[in-house]
Protein backbone atom coordinates (compact mmCIF):
# COMPACT_ATOMS: atom_id res chain seq x y z
CA MET A 1 131.05 27.37 12.25
CA ARG A 2 130.21 24.57 10.30
CA ALA A 3 133.07 23.40 7.83
CA GLY A 4 132.63 25.02 4.77
CA ASN A 5 129.98 27.32 5.71
CA PRO A 6 131.37 30.93 5.97
CA PRO A 7 130.42 32.96 8.94
CA PRO A 8 127.57 35.60 8.85
CA LEU A 9 128.55 38.81 8.73
CA CYS A 10 127.12 42.05 9.87
CA HIS A 11 126.57 46.23 10.42
CA LYS A 12 128.23 48.91 12.74
CA ASP A 13 128.70 52.06 11.15
CA GLY A 14 129.01 52.01 7.67
CA VAL A 15 131.08 48.47 7.99
CA THR A 16 130.67 44.96 7.27
CA GLN A 17 132.44 43.06 10.45
CA THR A 18 131.82 39.34 11.31
CA PRO A 19 129.85 39.70 14.28
CA PHE A 20 130.92 39.37 18.01
CA LEU A 21 128.45 37.01 18.65
CA ALA A 22 126.93 34.78 15.77
CA CYS A 23 123.71 32.62 15.96
CA ARG A 24 122.61 30.15 12.75
CA ASN A 25 119.60 28.17 13.02
CA VAL A 26 119.18 27.57 16.51
CA GLN A 27 116.72 25.55 17.61
CA LEU A 28 116.24 24.23 21.86
CA SER A 29 113.29 21.95 22.96
CA LEU A 30 112.18 21.27 26.64
CA GLY A 31 110.40 18.25 27.64
CA GLY A 32 109.19 17.96 24.58
CA ARG A 33 108.18 21.65 23.46
CA PRO A 34 109.85 24.26 21.37
CA VAL A 35 111.06 26.71 22.40
CA LEU A 36 113.35 28.09 19.88
CA ALA A 37 112.37 28.34 16.49
CA GLY A 38 115.42 28.88 13.60
CA ILE A 39 117.03 32.08 15.72
CA ASP A 40 119.37 33.47 13.81
CA LEU A 41 121.71 36.70 14.94
CA ALA A 42 124.87 38.65 14.08
CA VAL A 43 125.97 40.88 16.90
CA PRO A 44 128.12 43.42 16.37
CA ALA A 45 131.49 43.85 18.71
CA GLY A 46 130.74 46.83 21.26
CA THR A 47 126.47 46.53 20.62
CA LEU A 48 123.96 46.26 24.11
CA VAL A 49 121.35 44.94 22.61
CA ALA A 50 118.22 44.31 24.25
CA LEU A 51 116.29 41.15 24.25
CA VAL A 52 112.45 41.90 24.98
CA GLY A 53 109.12 40.22 24.56
CA ALA A 54 106.52 38.43 27.02
CA SER A 55 106.80 35.67 29.49
CA GLY A 56 107.41 32.50 27.76
CA ALA A 57 109.37 34.04 24.83
CA GLY A 58 113.00 32.61 25.10
CA LYS A 59 114.79 34.94 25.53
CA THR A 60 115.80 33.57 28.74
CA SER A 61 116.68 30.24 27.19
CA LEU A 62 118.51 31.98 24.56
CA LEU A 63 120.79 33.52 26.99
CA ARG A 64 121.54 30.36 28.86
CA LEU A 65 122.70 28.60 25.19
CA ILE A 66 124.88 31.08 24.67
CA ASN A 67 126.54 30.88 27.93
CA ARG A 68 126.52 27.09 27.24
CA LEU A 69 124.58 26.39 30.55
CA LEU A 70 122.26 24.24 27.30
CA ASP A 71 123.01 22.80 24.22
CA PRO A 72 120.59 23.66 20.89
CA ASP A 73 119.01 20.49 19.91
CA ALA A 74 120.36 22.25 16.02
CA GLY A 75 122.12 24.94 14.37
CA THR A 76 125.59 27.12 15.57
CA ILE A 77 125.96 29.63 18.19
CA ALA A 78 129.88 31.13 17.14
CA ILE A 79 132.00 33.59 19.40
CA GLU A 80 134.17 35.87 18.06
CA GLY A 81 133.91 33.11 15.03
CA GLN A 82 134.83 30.43 16.98
CA ASP A 83 131.58 27.80 17.27
CA ILE A 84 130.80 27.45 21.67
CA ALA A 85 130.88 23.57 20.27
CA SER A 86 134.43 22.28 20.12
CA ARG A 87 135.08 24.20 23.19
CA ASP A 88 135.24 23.33 26.87
CA SER A 89 130.93 24.16 28.70
CA VAL A 90 132.85 25.01 31.69
CA ALA A 91 135.78 27.25 29.54
CA VAL A 92 133.01 28.99 27.83
CA ARG A 93 131.01 30.44 30.98
CA ARG A 94 133.60 31.89 32.53
CA GLY A 95 134.47 33.76 30.13
CA ILE A 96 131.66 35.45 29.71
CA GLY A 97 130.03 37.86 32.46
CA HIS A 98 126.77 36.40 33.06
CA ALA A 99 123.68 38.55 36.00
CA VAL A 100 120.64 37.43 36.85
CA GLN A 101 117.79 39.66 38.78
CA GLY A 102 118.61 39.85 42.50
CA GLY A 103 122.51 39.40 41.88
CA GLY A 104 122.18 35.22 43.01
CA LEU A 105 125.18 35.65 44.92
CA PHE A 106 126.21 33.01 47.43
CA PRO A 107 124.84 33.80 50.88
CA HIS A 108 127.57 32.25 52.66
CA TRP A 109 130.20 34.38 50.56
CA THR A 110 131.16 37.42 51.77
CA VAL A 111 130.36 40.24 49.52
CA ALA A 112 134.30 40.60 47.99
CA ASP A 113 134.28 36.69 48.43
CA ASN A 114 131.21 37.08 45.41
CA ILE A 115 132.58 39.38 43.87
CA THR A 116 135.68 37.46 42.62
CA ALA A 117 134.36 33.93 42.66
CA VAL A 118 135.75 34.04 38.85
CA PRO A 119 138.97 35.48 39.48
CA TRP A 120 138.59 32.46 42.40
CA LEU A 121 137.94 29.78 39.96
CA LEU A 122 140.99 31.05 37.91
CA GLY A 123 143.37 30.19 39.67
CA TRP A 124 143.98 34.71 41.20
CA PRO A 125 146.33 35.08 43.90
CA ARG A 126 144.80 36.22 46.69
CA ALA A 127 145.95 39.48 46.88
CA GLN A 128 145.34 40.79 43.53
CA ARG A 129 141.78 38.44 44.17
CA GLN A 130 141.12 41.78 47.15
CA ALA A 131 142.70 44.40 44.63
CA ARG A 132 140.23 43.76 41.64
CA ALA A 133 136.89 43.72 44.65
CA LEU A 134 137.49 47.06 45.83
CA GLU A 135 138.15 48.56 42.08
CA LEU A 136 135.12 46.99 41.09
CA MET A 137 132.81 48.38 44.11
CA ALA A 138 134.33 51.87 42.81
CA MET A 139 133.51 51.74 39.75
CA LEU A 140 129.72 51.06 41.09
CA GLU A 141 130.14 53.06 43.24
CA LEU A 142 129.87 50.11 47.05
CA PRO A 143 131.37 51.84 49.75
CA THR A 144 134.05 49.40 50.56
CA ARG A 145 132.37 49.35 53.98
CA LEU A 146 130.85 46.32 52.54
CA ALA A 147 133.24 44.30 51.40
CA MET A 148 133.45 41.86 54.15
CA ARG A 149 129.88 42.05 54.96
CA PHE A 150 127.22 39.45 54.17
CA PRO A 151 123.96 39.08 50.90
CA HIS A 152 121.33 39.01 53.67
CA GLU A 153 123.04 42.53 54.86
CA LEU A 154 123.09 44.97 51.48
CA SER A 155 119.59 46.15 50.33
CA GLY A 156 118.56 45.61 46.44
CA GLY A 157 120.02 48.26 44.94
CA GLN A 158 124.26 46.99 46.93
CA ALA A 159 123.33 43.39 46.09
CA SER A 160 122.28 44.17 42.11
CA ARG A 161 125.44 46.51 41.39
CA VAL A 162 127.35 43.04 43.65
CA GLY A 163 126.00 40.64 41.37
CA LEU A 164 127.52 43.09 38.19
CA ALA A 165 130.59 43.79 39.48
CA ARG A 166 130.59 39.53 39.71
CA ALA A 167 129.95 39.22 36.37
CA LEU A 168 132.59 42.10 35.54
CA ALA A 169 135.69 40.77 37.21
CA ALA A 170 137.16 38.53 35.01
CA SER A 171 137.63 41.27 32.55
CA PRO A 172 134.87 39.58 30.46
CA ARG A 173 133.95 40.96 26.78
CA LEU A 174 130.46 39.85 26.38
CA LEU A 175 127.72 40.19 29.29
CA LEU A 176 124.86 38.24 29.60
CA LEU A 177 121.72 40.27 31.95
CA ASP A 178 118.98 38.65 32.52
CA GLU A 179 116.06 41.30 34.09
CA PRO A 180 119.37 42.10 37.09
CA PHE A 181 117.42 45.46 37.61
CA GLY A 182 113.87 44.34 38.11
CA ALA A 183 113.39 43.75 41.90
CA LEU A 184 114.48 47.56 42.15
CA ASP A 185 112.31 50.45 42.85
CA PRO A 186 112.62 53.04 39.36
CA GLU A 187 114.54 55.09 40.87
CA THR A 188 117.44 52.51 41.86
CA ARG A 189 116.15 50.64 38.72
CA ASP A 190 116.91 53.85 36.58
CA ALA A 191 120.25 54.53 37.89
CA LEU A 192 121.97 51.88 37.25
CA ALA A 193 121.39 50.72 33.78
CA ASP A 194 122.73 54.70 33.64
CA ARG A 195 125.68 53.45 35.05
CA LEU A 196 125.21 49.79 32.84
CA LEU A 197 125.26 51.70 29.69
CA ALA A 198 128.92 54.11 30.72
CA LEU A 199 130.75 50.33 31.98
CA HIS A 200 129.62 49.19 28.81
CA ARG A 201 130.50 52.15 26.64
CA ALA A 202 134.08 52.33 28.46
CA GLN A 203 134.69 48.89 28.57
CA GLY A 204 134.23 47.78 24.98
CA LEU A 205 131.97 45.53 25.92
CA THR A 206 129.39 43.50 23.90
CA THR A 207 126.15 42.72 26.43
CA LEU A 208 122.76 41.55 25.48
CA ILE A 209 120.46 41.96 28.35
CA VAL A 210 116.75 40.59 29.09
CA THR A 211 114.81 42.55 30.66
CA HIS A 212 110.78 44.31 30.98
CA ASP A 213 111.36 47.42 31.02
CA LEU A 214 110.36 48.26 28.05
CA ALA A 215 111.66 52.18 28.13
CA ASP A 216 115.35 51.16 28.91
CA ALA A 217 115.72 48.84 25.60
CA LEU A 218 114.05 51.68 24.23
CA LEU A 219 116.22 54.43 25.30
CA ARG A 220 119.57 52.43 26.20
CA ALA A 221 119.82 49.54 23.56
CA ASP A 222 121.93 49.62 20.08
CA LEU A 223 120.25 46.90 19.23
CA MET A 224 117.00 45.19 20.06
CA LEU A 225 115.53 41.80 19.24
CA VAL A 226 112.06 41.34 19.62
CA LEU A 227 110.89 37.21 20.64
CA ASP A 228 107.63 35.57 20.25
CA GLN A 229 107.03 32.64 20.42
CA GLY A 230 110.26 31.33 20.07
CA GLN A 231 111.06 33.32 17.04
CA ILE A 232 112.46 37.24 16.54
CA VAL A 233 110.17 38.90 14.75
CA ALA A 234 111.22 41.87 14.85
CA SER A 235 115.11 42.72 15.10
CA GLY A 236 116.79 46.12 14.95
CA PRO A 237 117.71 49.81 16.96
CA PRO A 238 115.19 51.49 19.28
CA ALA A 239 113.49 54.54 17.04
CA ALA A 240 113.28 51.91 13.82
CA ILE A 241 110.86 49.21 15.68
CA VAL A 242 109.26 51.25 17.45
CA ALA A 243 108.53 53.31 13.54
CA HIS A 244 107.32 50.32 12.07
CA PRO A 245 105.22 48.15 15.08
CA HIS A 246 105.70 44.45 14.48
CA PRO A 247 102.39 43.59 16.82
CA ALA A 248 104.08 41.63 19.62
CA VAL A 249 105.96 45.27 19.62
CA GLN A 250 102.48 47.39 19.45
CA ALA A 251 101.49 44.83 22.66
CA LEU A 252 104.57 44.95 24.45
CA LEU A 253 103.84 49.07 23.80
CA ALA A 254 99.67 49.62 24.85
CA ALA A 255 100.05 49.11 29.03
CA PRO A 256 103.36 51.31 29.23
CA LEU A 257 101.44 53.73 27.01
CA ALA A 258 97.98 53.57 28.09
CA GLN A 259 100.09 53.98 31.92
CA ALA A 260 101.61 57.65 30.71
CA ARG A 261 98.35 58.91 29.36
CA ALA A 262 96.79 58.01 32.37
CA ILE A 263 99.58 60.28 34.37
CA ALA A 264 99.62 62.44 32.39
CA GLY A 265 95.25 62.70 32.58
CA LEU A 266 96.68 63.49 36.83
CA VAL A 267 98.98 65.69 36.17
CA PRO A 268 97.78 69.51 36.63
CA ARG A 269 98.04 72.46 33.62
């Protein structure tokens, strides 16, 4: 954080604490177009945060800033009280778990090698990497016979599990997920979202997930952030967001609510 500028505080379970992740007045333009405008954010450790909003609202750009794939035009981002701009960008990224839609796997690497990409970069011995790959495959219910297969031999659900395993491989405390299950069928997506929630809780992770699945955000997140035109227009527990919806939230809710009513009308009484 800037000298003389104390870190923001946040509240969890009635306790005031320094946030695990903090953004202050973060601003970003790309190609001369404003993308994020004055983002302020304080996330307690162990929180699962869902970032929702229309396409182009700035959700992915915010994750890329936190992961130092981009640098802000103004403002600060701190992880565990340390301004990430003061650290080597590669070191920042290697300390964060990151998964994207479809897994983003290296096509010519085996499943085991994909999972342990970051441990390999960190210089882990081969035996330790192999053990970690098998541990994560068991954790994510991937059959061990897939360890030596390649991404093109996997189903969509399997590839997404491998992508999540890779994000967890080096035991990060912060997990950034950008629509990791967006291309999957509803049943597989729901099962993986439940598995992610269980891992998030068991490992004490702080997790930010970009999602267009509003039901997932409402049912599983501790905190929802609603972005609209590069600004956070609503934030808080999901129940509070729905109880007093911002117009942007009402717009997001309109389609799924209309679909739910239409489906209800088809079900025999």
